[in-house]
């Protein structure tokens, strides 16, 4: 056993590594460090270097993981909360077929530090009827990940590990084990009645999930070491989930009782025991009032419950120590010192700047509508460029642009990055090519997944042009430009010509991210 100072995400990677498991992922804050750390760990073993690789998107990452589970391997798939949306189709089916040794790690982003929305992955775990675990610190992240593989194999179900930004990025002392000598594997069994989702097979498997596996999940949760009930003062009882427990325990004066929850389905008997012991019950949880909404059904409305729904705890945003001032006798903590705002901006020398400057030269004085996407180039909507009228989710720039063009809006453009394009822009461009939509698509190719740290893309060299042409874009309207100041006039002329084209045009702006170049030179 060895003690290390680790981020929550790093602790998860060590647990995957020490469980002899594969890792699949698509990068996204706050989950990225899990796969990055796992890749570094496996680089120590040349024979195992392919055990941790990036995928083109979250759906592919999860489907690869299901294939590894079928092949008898342990595997963890990690992504951010909106990535679970992308992977939801295989996630739901994985619960029906039963996937032993599969752990799904979804990192939520309360407060939207680097995301387009707030979501609570516990809701989707409950929706899929799978076991869910939620650590409160780095040590628990390590222990829960290792335990999740065991539970997945016992239940023959995917198990979710729900992280949030703070538990992903907080550092703590972690006692870790050792890597097994061999990668874990069990016998491959070809059984169509288990693995094929024909209705005739899926129906009995769904009943098995409801009637056998769900009661087992409830039993495991009731007995779990990660659900700790402490009975002390009788005035108030606090149910604290995952990261929420950290803020509660900071205010611990010994006067309140508490139930620390780390697994779902909820431990009903422990909840009832706490409710029967105290006069007042409060729920502190990060994200949606997921537990709070279930309590009236569990306790049959015989006790008032406080939490997010009545305003005792803020409904939106990330939990902070000041979030609980109403709970602890209304004593508001001192306001933290204000720090000057540091708005995001494109890096000095960013190739996207030069693309936007050339685009501005053409758009000046025109009515235009810009559908942008998720990546560094989203910042084009800020000063000095102000290019970006709509941003919804990954890949939506092209699809949204198709709709706006169909509605008759003039000069519709879509702006998307090379990694986002392969993630979820391909199908939109295929439809645009099929319809020959009056749309100008800009693919900003900076030769990496820059926003999340420079992970490699799947389009080296001239692969991107071949993919775009293969989707049906006319060769004469597929252009390549180099976004540099000295080519600004030439680039603007190309953009002007393609904007006037009464059909689909694609302009690839290729120059490597300055940070990637800097890292390569260091």
Protein backbone atom coordinates (compact mmCIF):
# COMPACT_ATOMS: atom_id res chain seq x y z
CA UNK A 1 0.00 0.00 0.00
CA UNK A 2 1.21 3.49 -0.87
CA UNK A 3 -0.07 6.97 -0.02
CA UNK A 4 -0.32 9.59 -2.80
CA UNK A 5 -1.66 13.15 -3.13
CA UNK A 6 -4.18 12.87 -5.97
CA UNK A 7 -7.00 14.70 -7.68
CA UNK A 8 -10.28 12.83 -7.51
CA UNK A 9 -9.94 12.10 -11.23
CA UNK A 10 -6.39 10.82 -10.76
CA UNK A 11 -7.57 8.56 -7.94
CA UNK A 12 -10.18 7.06 -10.27
CA UNK A 13 -7.50 6.42 -12.90
CA UNK A 14 -5.32 4.63 -10.34
CA UNK A 15 -8.31 2.50 -9.30
CA UNK A 16 -8.99 1.54 -12.94
CA UNK A 17 -5.30 0.73 -13.37
CA UNK A 18 -5.18 -1.30 -10.17
CA UNK A 19 -8.34 -3.18 -11.20
CA UNK A 20 -6.71 -4.44 -14.38
CA UNK A 21 -9.27 -2.65 -16.53
CA UNK A 22 -9.39 -0.94 -19.90
CA UNK A 23 -10.30 2.74 -20.28
CA UNK A 24 -12.35 4.43 -23.02
CA UNK A 25 -13.27 8.11 -23.12
CA UNK A 26 -13.91 11.33 -24.98
CA UNK A 27 -12.34 14.43 -23.35
CA UNK A 28 -14.51 16.97 -21.57
CA UNK A 29 -14.15 19.07 -18.42
CA UNK A 30 -14.36 18.05 -15.58
CA UNK A 31 -13.63 14.41 -16.57
CA UNK A 32 -10.59 14.71 -18.84
CA UNK A 33 -7.86 13.93 -16.29
CA UNK A 34 -9.22 10.42 -15.70
CA UNK A 35 -8.24 9.14 -19.13
CA UNK A 36 -5.13 11.32 -19.38
CA UNK A 37 -3.80 9.84 -16.13
CA UNK A 38 -4.75 6.30 -17.14
CA UNK A 39 -2.92 6.68 -20.47
CA UNK A 40 0.20 7.82 -18.59
CA UNK A 41 -0.03 4.89 -16.18
CA UNK A 42 -0.34 2.31 -18.95
CA UNK A 43 2.59 3.85 -20.85
CA UNK A 44 4.77 2.27 -18.19
CA UNK A 45 3.86 -1.09 -19.67
CA UNK A 46 4.50 -1.34 -23.45
CA UNK A 47 2.46 -4.52 -23.68
CA UNK A 48 -0.58 -2.72 -22.25
CA UNK A 49 -0.29 0.66 -23.98
CA UNK A 50 -3.52 0.19 -25.99
CA UNK A 51 -5.61 -0.44 -22.89
CA UNK A 52 -6.48 3.26 -22.62
CA UNK A 53 -7.39 5.17 -25.78
CA UNK A 54 -9.57 8.14 -26.75
CA UNK A 55 -12.68 7.61 -28.86
CA UNK A 56 -14.29 9.86 -31.46
CA UNK A 57 -17.27 10.61 -29.17
CA UNK A 58 -18.94 9.35 -26.00
CA UNK A 59 -21.36 7.00 -27.76
CA UNK A 60 -18.48 5.22 -29.49
CA UNK A 61 -16.53 5.13 -26.21
CA UNK A 62 -19.42 3.40 -24.41
CA UNK A 63 -20.11 1.02 -27.29
CA UNK A 64 -16.43 0.05 -27.33
CA UNK A 65 -16.71 -0.55 -23.58
CA UNK A 66 -19.74 -2.81 -24.10
CA UNK A 67 -17.72 -4.80 -26.63
CA UNK A 68 -14.88 -5.15 -24.12
CA UNK A 69 -17.36 -6.31 -21.47
CA UNK A 70 -18.73 -8.92 -23.89
CA UNK A 71 -15.13 -10.04 -24.54
CA UNK A 72 -14.61 -10.71 -20.84
CA UNK A 73 -12.70 -7.57 -19.84
CA UNK A 74 -13.14 -5.00 -17.14
CA UNK A 75 -13.57 -1.50 -18.58
CA UNK A 76 -14.31 2.03 -17.38
CA UNK A 77 -15.74 4.67 -19.72
CA UNK A 78 -15.46 8.30 -18.62
CA UNK A 79 -16.93 11.56 -19.90
CA UNK A 80 -18.63 14.72 -18.70
CA UNK A 81 -22.35 14.90 -17.99
CA UNK A 82 -23.43 16.10 -21.45
CA UNK A 83 -21.40 13.22 -22.88
CA UNK A 84 -23.81 10.87 -21.15
CA UNK A 85 -26.57 12.43 -23.27
CA UNK A 86 -24.61 11.44 -26.39
CA UNK A 87 -24.16 7.90 -25.02
CA UNK A 88 -27.68 7.48 -23.65
CA UNK A 89 -28.89 4.99 -26.29
CA UNK A 90 -26.22 2.35 -25.55
CA UNK A 91 -26.35 3.20 -21.83
CA UNK A 92 -30.01 2.23 -21.60
CA UNK A 93 -29.49 -0.95 -23.61
CA UNK A 94 -26.42 -1.93 -21.55
CA UNK A 95 -28.69 -2.22 -18.52
CA UNK A 96 -31.00 -4.59 -20.43
CA UNK A 97 -28.35 -6.93 -21.83
CA UNK A 98 -26.26 -6.83 -18.65
CA UNK A 99 -22.59 -5.85 -18.93
CA UNK A 100 -20.32 -7.34 -16.25
CA UNK A 101 -17.22 -5.35 -15.36
CA UNK A 102 -18.43 -2.07 -16.91
CA UNK A 103 -18.14 1.17 -14.93
CA UNK A 104 -19.61 4.39 -16.40
CA UNK A 105 -18.04 7.54 -14.92
CA UNK A 106 -20.07 10.69 -15.51
CA UNK A 107 -18.65 14.00 -14.22
CA UNK A 108 -21.30 16.67 -13.62
CA UNK A 109 -20.51 20.39 -13.70
CA UNK A 110 -22.71 22.25 -11.18
CA UNK A 111 -22.36 25.98 -11.71
CA UNK A 112 -21.47 25.43 -15.38
CA UNK A 113 -17.74 26.16 -15.02
CA UNK A 114 -17.12 24.70 -18.48
CA UNK A 115 -20.46 23.45 -19.74
CA UNK A 116 -23.62 24.59 -21.48
CA UNK A 117 -25.97 23.33 -18.78
CA UNK A 118 -26.35 21.79 -15.33
CA UNK A 119 -27.38 18.15 -15.19
CA UNK A 120 -27.49 15.49 -12.52
CA UNK A 121 -26.32 12.09 -13.74
CA UNK A 122 -28.03 10.37 -10.82
CA UNK A 123 -31.31 10.98 -12.63
CA UNK A 124 -30.12 8.99 -15.65
CA UNK A 125 -28.72 6.19 -13.49
CA UNK A 126 -32.14 5.94 -11.85
CA UNK A 127 -33.78 6.11 -15.31
CA UNK A 128 -31.67 3.17 -16.52
CA UNK A 129 -32.18 1.26 -13.23
CA UNK A 130 -28.46 0.86 -12.57
CA UNK A 131 -26.45 1.11 -9.37
CA UNK A 132 -24.82 4.51 -8.77
CA UNK A 133 -22.00 5.58 -6.45
CA UNK A 134 -21.06 9.14 -5.45
CA UNK A 135 -17.76 9.83 -3.65
CA UNK A 136 -17.14 12.80 -1.38
CA UNK A 137 -13.34 12.84 -1.65
CA UNK A 138 -10.38 11.39 -3.52
CA UNK A 139 -9.97 8.38 -1.23
CA UNK A 140 -13.59 7.40 -1.75
CA UNK A 141 -13.22 7.96 -5.49
CA UNK A 142 -10.47 5.34 -5.48
CA UNK A 143 -12.33 2.88 -3.23
CA UNK A 144 -15.68 3.28 -4.98
CA UNK A 145 -14.19 2.75 -8.44
CA UNK A 146 -12.60 -0.52 -7.36
CA UNK A 147 -15.82 -1.59 -5.66
CA UNK A 148 -17.87 -0.59 -8.73
CA UNK A 149 -16.12 -3.23 -10.86
CA UNK A 150 -16.99 -5.90 -8.28
CA UNK A 151 -20.63 -4.81 -8.07
CA UNK A 152 -20.92 -4.68 -11.87
CA UNK A 153 -19.66 -8.25 -12.08
CA UNK A 154 -21.96 -9.39 -9.28
CA UNK A 155 -25.08 -7.79 -10.79
CA UNK A 156 -24.05 -8.13 -14.46
CA UNK A 157 -24.98 -4.46 -14.90
CA UNK A 158 -23.15 -1.25 -15.67
CA UNK A 159 -22.42 0.73 -12.51
CA UNK A 160 -22.28 4.52 -12.59
CA UNK A 161 -19.76 6.59 -10.66
CA UNK A 162 -21.13 10.13 -10.39
CA UNK A 163 -18.51 12.85 -9.97
CA UNK A 164 -18.90 16.62 -9.74
CA UNK A 165 -16.39 19.36 -10.51
CA UNK A 166 -15.15 19.67 -6.91
CA UNK A 167 -14.65 15.96 -6.29
CA UNK A 168 -12.97 15.64 -9.69
CA UNK A 169 -10.52 18.48 -9.09
CA UNK A 170 -9.91 18.50 -5.33
CA UNK A 171 -6.65 16.97 -4.10
CA UNK A 172 -6.44 14.62 -1.16
CA UNK A 173 -4.32 11.89 0.37
CA UNK A 174 -5.17 8.53 -1.15
CA UNK A 175 -3.95 5.12 -0.03
CA UNK A 176 -3.63 3.05 -3.19
CA UNK A 177 -2.96 -0.61 -3.87
CA UNK A 178 -0.98 -2.28 -6.62
CA UNK A 179 -1.54 -3.18 -10.25
CA UNK A 180 -2.33 -6.84 -10.83
CA UNK A 181 0.20 -8.82 -12.81
CA UNK A 182 -2.38 -9.63 -15.48
CA UNK A 183 -5.24 -7.69 -17.01
CA UNK A 184 -8.53 -8.96 -15.63
CA UNK A 185 -10.51 -11.28 -17.92
CA UNK A 186 -13.32 -13.79 -17.64
CA UNK A 187 -14.62 -16.38 -20.06
CA UNK A 188 -16.45 -15.15 -23.15
CA UNK A 189 -19.94 -16.63 -23.42
CA UNK A 190 -21.86 -16.36 -26.68
CA UNK A 191 -25.47 -16.05 -25.55
CA UNK A 192 -27.81 -14.19 -27.94
CA UNK A 193 -30.66 -14.37 -25.43
CA UNK A 194 -28.56 -12.19 -23.11
CA UNK A 195 -26.73 -9.91 -25.56
CA UNK A 196 -29.25 -9.36 -28.36
CA UNK A 197 -32.05 -6.82 -27.80
CA UNK A 198 -34.69 -8.43 -29.97
CA UNK A 199 -38.01 -7.81 -28.22
CA UNK A 200 -38.42 -11.53 -27.51
CA UNK A 201 -35.10 -11.46 -25.61
CA UNK A 202 -35.27 -7.93 -24.21
CA UNK A 203 -38.63 -8.42 -22.46
CA UNK A 204 -37.49 -11.20 -20.11
CA UNK A 205 -34.17 -9.40 -19.52
CA UNK A 206 -36.04 -6.25 -18.51
CA UNK A 207 -38.20 -8.26 -16.10
CA UNK A 208 -35.03 -9.80 -14.67
CA UNK A 209 -33.67 -6.28 -14.15
CA UNK A 210 -36.84 -5.21 -12.34
CA UNK A 211 -37.56 -8.33 -10.31
CA UNK A 212 -34.08 -9.63 -9.45
CA UNK A 213 -31.34 -7.10 -10.06
CA UNK A 214 -33.12 -4.03 -8.66
CA UNK A 215 -33.87 -5.70 -5.27
CA UNK A 216 -30.20 -6.78 -5.14
CA UNK A 217 -29.13 -3.18 -5.77
CA UNK A 218 -31.33 -2.00 -2.89
CA UNK A 219 -29.82 -4.62 -0.60
CA UNK A 220 -26.26 -3.63 -1.57
CA UNK A 221 -27.03 0.02 -0.93
CA UNK A 222 -28.60 -0.68 2.45
CA UNK A 223 -25.49 -2.61 3.52
CA UNK A 224 -22.91 -0.31 1.91
CA UNK A 225 -20.06 1.09 4.00
CA UNK A 226 -20.41 4.32 1.99
CA UNK A 227 -23.76 5.17 3.63
CA UNK A 228 -22.94 6.27 7.16
CA UNK A 229 -25.67 6.98 9.74
CA UNK A 230 -24.61 8.97 12.82
CA UNK A 231 -27.30 9.61 15.47
CA UNK A 232 -26.56 12.43 17.96
CA UNK A 233 -28.71 15.52 18.50
CA UNK A 234 -32.46 15.03 17.96
CA UNK A 235 -33.38 18.53 16.80
CA UNK A 236 -32.08 18.27 13.25
CA UNK A 237 -31.06 15.48 10.92
CA UNK A 238 -29.10 16.15 7.73
CA UNK A 239 -28.97 13.89 4.70
CA UNK A 240 -25.76 14.82 2.87
CA UNK A 241 -24.92 13.31 -0.51
CA UNK A 242 -21.44 13.01 -2.01
CA UNK A 243 -19.66 16.36 -2.10
CA UNK A 244 -22.45 17.97 -0.06
CA UNK A 245 -21.18 16.09 2.99
CA UNK A 246 -17.96 18.16 2.95
CA UNK A 247 -19.86 21.42 3.46
CA UNK A 248 -22.03 19.94 6.19
CA UNK A 249 -19.15 18.48 8.17
CA UNK A 250 -17.33 21.85 8.09
CA UNK A 251 -20.14 23.19 10.26
CA UNK A 252 -20.20 20.18 12.57
CA UNK A 253 -20.86 21.25 16.14
CA UNK A 254 -21.95 17.81 17.33
CA UNK A 255 -25.57 18.93 17.72
CA UNK A 256 -27.05 17.38 14.58
CA UNK A 257 -27.45 13.82 13.37
CA UNK A 258 -26.63 12.93 9.78
CA UNK A 259 -26.78 10.31 7.08
CA UNK A 260 -23.95 10.47 4.57
CA UNK A 261 -25.14 8.94 1.30
CA UNK A 262 -22.71 7.50 -1.24
CA UNK A 263 -24.80 4.92 -3.12
CA UNK A 264 -28.10 4.70 -4.95
CA UNK A 265 -30.81 3.30 -4.84
CA UNK A 266 -31.29 5.11 -1.56
CA UNK A 267 -30.77 3.20 1.72
CA UNK A 268 -34.43 3.39 2.75
CA UNK A 269 -34.12 1.85 6.23
CA UNK A 270 -31.35 4.23 7.25
CA UNK A 271 -33.39 7.19 6.01
CA UNK A 272 -36.41 6.03 8.00
CA UNK A 273 -34.26 5.50 11.09
CA UNK A 274 -32.87 9.03 10.86
CA UNK A 275 -36.33 10.52 10.22
CA UNK A 276 -37.76 8.69 13.22
CA UNK A 277 -34.98 10.01 15.47
CA UNK A 278 -35.02 13.75 14.65
CA UNK A 279 -37.61 16.53 14.52
CA UNK A 280 -36.38 18.27 11.38
CA UNK A 281 -34.88 16.80 8.21
CA UNK A 282 -32.70 18.70 5.71
CA UNK A 283 -31.18 17.45 2.45
CA UNK A 284 -27.86 18.80 1.13
CA UNK A 285 -26.97 17.51 -2.32
CA UNK A 286 -25.02 18.76 -5.33
CA UNK A 287 -27.18 19.17 -8.45
CA UNK A 288 -30.89 18.41 -8.68
CA UNK A 289 -33.09 17.83 -5.60
CA UNK A 290 -32.91 14.15 -6.55
CA UNK A 291 -33.03 12.71 -3.03
CA UNK A 292 -35.26 15.45 -1.66
CA UNK A 293 -38.00 14.64 -4.19
CA UNK A 294 -38.02 10.98 -3.17
CA UNK A 295 -38.33 11.53 0.56
CA UNK A 296 -42.08 12.32 0.70
CA UNK A 297 -42.76 8.92 -0.91
CA UNK A 298 -40.40 7.19 1.52
CA UNK A 299 -41.64 9.00 4.65
CA UNK A 300 -45.28 9.36 3.60
CA UNK A 301 -45.26 13.15 4.14
CA UNK A 302 -45.25 12.89 7.94
CA UNK A 303 -42.28 15.23 8.26
CA UNK A 304 -41.40 18.57 6.70
CA UNK A 305 -38.31 18.28 4.52
CA UNK A 306 -36.04 21.22 3.84
CA UNK A 307 -33.55 21.58 1.02
CA UNK A 308 -33.42 22.97 -2.48
CA UNK A 309 -37.18 22.95 -3.07
CA UNK A 310 -37.98 25.39 -0.26
CA UNK A 311 -34.88 27.56 -0.72
CA UNK A 312 -32.97 26.39 2.37
CA UNK A 313 -30.21 25.33 -0.02
CA UNK A 314 -29.70 27.23 -3.32
CA UNK A 315 -31.48 25.51 -6.21
CA UNK A 316 -28.96 26.38 -8.93
CA UNK A 317 -25.19 26.59 -9.06
CA UNK A 318 -22.43 24.83 -7.20
CA UNK A 319 -22.53 24.20 -3.46
CA UNK A 320 -20.26 26.45 -1.39
CA UNK A 321 -19.77 26.91 2.36
CA UNK A 322 -21.98 30.02 2.19
CA UNK A 323 -24.77 27.92 0.63
CA UNK A 324 -25.69 26.55 4.05
CA UNK A 325 -25.91 29.74 6.09
CA UNK A 326 -29.72 29.52 6.30
CA UNK A 327 -29.39 26.00 7.64
CA UNK A 328 -27.03 26.77 10.49
CA UNK A 329 -29.03 29.34 12.46
CA UNK A 330 -28.94 31.91 9.68
CA UNK A 331 -25.34 32.84 10.37
CA UNK A 332 -24.05 34.03 7.03
CA UNK A 333 -20.35 33.53 6.52
CA UNK A 334 -18.16 36.52 5.76
CA UNK A 335 -18.23 37.45 2.11
CA UNK A 336 -15.08 36.23 0.36
CA UNK A 337 -12.75 38.84 -1.05
CA UNK A 338 -13.71 39.74 -4.60
CA UNK A 339 -11.24 38.63 -7.24
CA UNK A 340 -11.04 40.57 -10.52
CA UNK A 341 -12.87 38.75 -13.30
CA UNK A 342 -10.75 36.91 -15.84
CA UNK A 343 -13.00 36.47 -18.88
CA UNK A 344 -11.94 33.76 -21.33
CA UNK A 345 -10.14 34.79 -24.49
CA UNK A 346 -8.44 33.21 -27.46
CA UNK A 347 -4.70 32.73 -26.88
CA UNK A 348 -2.28 35.18 -28.40
CA UNK A 349 -1.39 33.84 -31.85
CA UNK A 350 -4.49 31.60 -32.03
CA UNK A 351 -5.27 30.57 -35.63
CA UNK A 352 -8.97 31.15 -35.00
CA UNK A 353 -8.30 34.88 -34.64
CA UNK A 354 -6.98 35.06 -38.19
CA UNK A 355 -9.94 33.08 -39.52
CA UNK A 356 -12.39 35.41 -37.79
CA UNK A 357 -10.61 38.54 -39.05
CA UNK A 358 -10.83 37.30 -42.64
CA UNK A 359 -14.49 36.39 -42.08
CA UNK A 360 -15.24 39.83 -40.58
CA UNK A 361 -13.86 41.51 -43.71
CA UNK A 362 -16.49 39.69 -45.76
CA UNK A 363 -19.42 39.97 -43.35
CA UNK A 364 -19.03 43.67 -42.59
CA UNK A 365 -22.20 45.52 -43.58
CA UNK A 366 -24.07 42.28 -44.43
CA UNK A 367 -27.00 40.63 -42.70
CA UNK A 368 -25.66 37.25 -41.55
CA UNK A 369 -26.42 34.52 -39.03
CA UNK A 370 -23.60 32.54 -37.39
CA UNK A 371 -24.20 29.15 -35.80
CA UNK A 372 -21.15 28.28 -33.73
CA UNK A 373 -20.23 25.18 -31.76
CA UNK A 374 -18.45 23.89 -28.65
CA UNK A 375 -14.72 24.62 -28.62
CA UNK A 376 -12.17 27.42 -28.32
CA UNK A 377 -13.79 29.15 -31.31
CA UNK A 378 -16.98 29.64 -29.27
CA UNK A 379 -15.10 32.65 -27.90
CA UNK A 380 -15.48 34.25 -31.32
CA UNK A 381 -18.75 35.68 -30.04
CA UNK A 382 -16.79 37.91 -27.64
CA UNK A 383 -14.71 41.00 -28.44
CA UNK A 384 -13.26 41.79 -30.90
CA UNK A 385 -15.06 39.46 -33.34
CA UNK A 386 -18.68 39.08 -32.13
CA UNK A 387 -19.24 36.10 -34.44
CA UNK A 388 -21.67 33.58 -32.98
CA UNK A 389 -25.43 34.04 -32.75
CA UNK A 390 -26.39 30.52 -31.66
CA UNK A 391 -24.50 27.84 -29.70
CA UNK A 392 -26.49 24.85 -28.45
CA UNK A 393 -24.42 21.66 -28.16
CA UNK A 394 -21.68 19.72 -29.91
CA UNK A 395 -22.43 19.35 -33.62
CA UNK A 396 -25.51 21.59 -33.63
CA UNK A 397 -23.85 24.37 -35.67
CA UNK A 398 -24.26 22.59 -39.01
CA UNK A 399 -27.69 21.12 -38.25
CA UNK A 400 -28.98 24.43 -36.91
CA UNK A 401 -27.56 26.23 -39.91
CA UNK A 402 -29.48 23.91 -42.23
CA UNK A 403 -32.74 24.87 -40.53
CA UNK A 404 -32.00 28.60 -40.60
CA UNK A 405 -31.09 28.42 -44.29
CA UNK A 406 -34.30 26.50 -45.03
CA UNK A 407 -36.23 29.30 -43.32
CA UNK A 408 -34.76 31.75 -45.83
CA UNK A 409 -32.25 33.60 -43.66
CA UNK A 410 -29.42 35.10 -45.72
CA UNK A 411 -25.70 34.41 -45.33
CA UNK A 412 -25.98 31.55 -42.87
CA UNK A 413 -22.63 30.22 -41.67
CA UNK A 414 -21.67 27.34 -39.38
CA UNK A 415 -18.42 27.35 -37.39
CA UNK A 416 -17.13 24.05 -36.00
CA UNK A 417 -13.76 22.63 -34.91
CA UNK A 418 -12.00 19.57 -36.29
CA UNK A 419 -12.55 17.44 -33.17
CA UNK A 420 -16.17 18.53 -32.72
CA UNK A 421 -16.79 17.84 -36.41
CA UNK A 422 -15.73 14.20 -36.09
CA UNK A 423 -17.52 13.95 -32.72
CA UNK A 424 -20.98 14.91 -33.95
CA UNK A 425 -20.84 17.13 -37.04
CA UNK A 426 -20.50 14.42 -39.68
CA UNK A 427 -24.18 13.55 -39.89
CA UNK A 428 -25.20 17.20 -40.11
CA UNK A 429 -22.82 17.79 -43.01
CA UNK A 430 -24.06 14.63 -44.75
CA UNK A 431 -27.60 16.02 -44.58
CA UNK A 432 -26.48 19.46 -45.76
CA UNK A 433 -24.70 17.84 -48.72
CA UNK A 434 -27.72 15.70 -49.55
CA UNK A 435 -29.98 18.77 -49.59
CA UNK A 436 -27.30 21.10 -51.04
CA UNK A 437 -28.25 23.56 -48.29
CA UNK A 438 -27.46 27.24 -48.78
CA UNK A 439 -24.88 27.13 -46.03
CA UNK A 440 -21.20 27.97 -45.63
CA UNK A 441 -19.47 25.65 -43.15
CA UNK A 442 -16.16 26.63 -41.58
CA UNK A 443 -14.18 23.73 -40.10
CA UNK A 444 -11.46 25.29 -37.94
CA UNK A 445 -8.73 22.66 -37.94
CA UNK A 446 -6.17 23.42 -35.26
CA UNK A 447 -4.81 19.85 -35.37
CA UNK A 448 -5.95 18.87 -31.88
CA UNK A 449 -8.67 18.88 -29.25
CA UNK A 450 -7.29 22.12 -27.89
CA UNK A 451 -9.99 23.21 -25.45
CA UNK A 452 -9.54 20.18 -23.18
CA UNK A 453 -5.74 20.05 -23.26
CA UNK A 454 -4.61 19.06 -26.74
CA UNK A 455 -5.72 15.45 -27.05
CA UNK A 456 -5.13 13.98 -30.54
CA UNK A 457 -7.85 14.07 -33.18
CA UNK A 458 -8.73 11.41 -35.73
CA UNK A 459 -8.01 13.62 -38.75
CA UNK A 460 -4.25 13.88 -39.31
CA UNK A 461 -2.78 15.26 -42.55
CA UNK A 462 -5.40 15.54 -45.34
CA UNK A 463 -7.89 13.06 -43.82
CA UNK A 464 -10.41 15.80 -43.09
CA UNK A 465 -10.72 16.83 -46.73
CA UNK A 466 -11.29 13.22 -47.77
CA UNK A 467 -14.01 12.80 -45.14
CA UNK A 468 -15.79 16.00 -46.23
CA UNK A 469 -15.60 15.02 -49.91
CA UNK A 470 -16.84 11.53 -49.09
CA UNK A 471 -19.95 13.02 -47.48
CA UNK A 472 -20.92 14.49 -50.83
CA UNK A 473 -19.58 18.06 -50.75
CA UNK A 474 -18.82 19.25 -54.30
CA UNK A 475 -15.01 19.38 -54.81
CA UNK A 476 -15.15 22.87 -56.35
CA UNK A 477 -16.78 24.17 -53.16
CA UNK A 478 -14.42 22.49 -50.70
CA UNK A 479 -11.68 25.01 -49.96
CA UNK A 480 -8.58 24.97 -47.75
CA UNK A 481 -7.22 28.20 -46.29
CA UNK A 482 -4.26 28.94 -44.01
CA UNK A 483 -5.30 31.42 -41.30
CA UNK A 484 -2.33 33.76 -41.15
CA UNK A 485 -2.20 37.55 -41.27
CA UNK A 486 -0.30 37.58 -44.57
CA UNK A 487 -3.05 35.54 -46.26
CA UNK A 488 -5.96 37.62 -44.90
CA UNK A 489 -6.86 39.22 -48.26
CA UNK A 490 -6.67 35.90 -50.15
CA UNK A 491 -8.70 34.13 -47.47
CA UNK A 492 -11.36 36.86 -47.54
CA UNK A 493 -11.70 36.53 -51.31
CA UNK A 494 -12.24 32.75 -51.00
CA UNK A 495 -14.82 33.27 -48.24
CA UNK A 496 -16.63 35.93 -50.27
CA UNK A 497 -16.89 33.65 -53.30
CA UNK A 498 -18.20 30.68 -51.29
CA UNK A 499 -20.68 32.85 -49.37
CA UNK A 500 -22.18 33.85 -52.72
CA UNK A 501 -22.56 30.22 -53.82
CA UNK A 502 -26.28 29.23 -53.81
CA UNK A 503 -25.57 25.85 -52.22
CA UNK A 504 -23.28 24.15 -49.70
CA UNK A 505 -19.68 25.25 -49.28
CA UNK A 506 -17.08 23.98 -46.83
CA UNK A 507 -13.98 25.98 -45.92
CA UNK A 508 -11.31 24.23 -43.86
CA UNK A 509 -9.07 26.70 -42.00
CA UNK A 510 -5.97 24.76 -41.00
CA UNK A 511 -3.19 25.92 -38.71
CA UNK A 512 -1.98 24.15 -35.58
CA UNK A 513 -2.95 25.47 -32.15
CA UNK A 514 -0.16 27.66 -30.74
CA UNK A 515 -0.32 25.81 -27.41
CA UNK A 516 0.22 22.48 -29.15
CA UNK A 517 3.21 23.92 -30.98
CA UNK A 518 4.53 25.30 -27.70
CA UNK A 519 4.16 21.91 -25.97
CA UNK A 520 5.91 20.18 -28.88
CA UNK A 521 8.87 22.55 -28.56
CA UNK A 522 9.18 22.25 -24.77
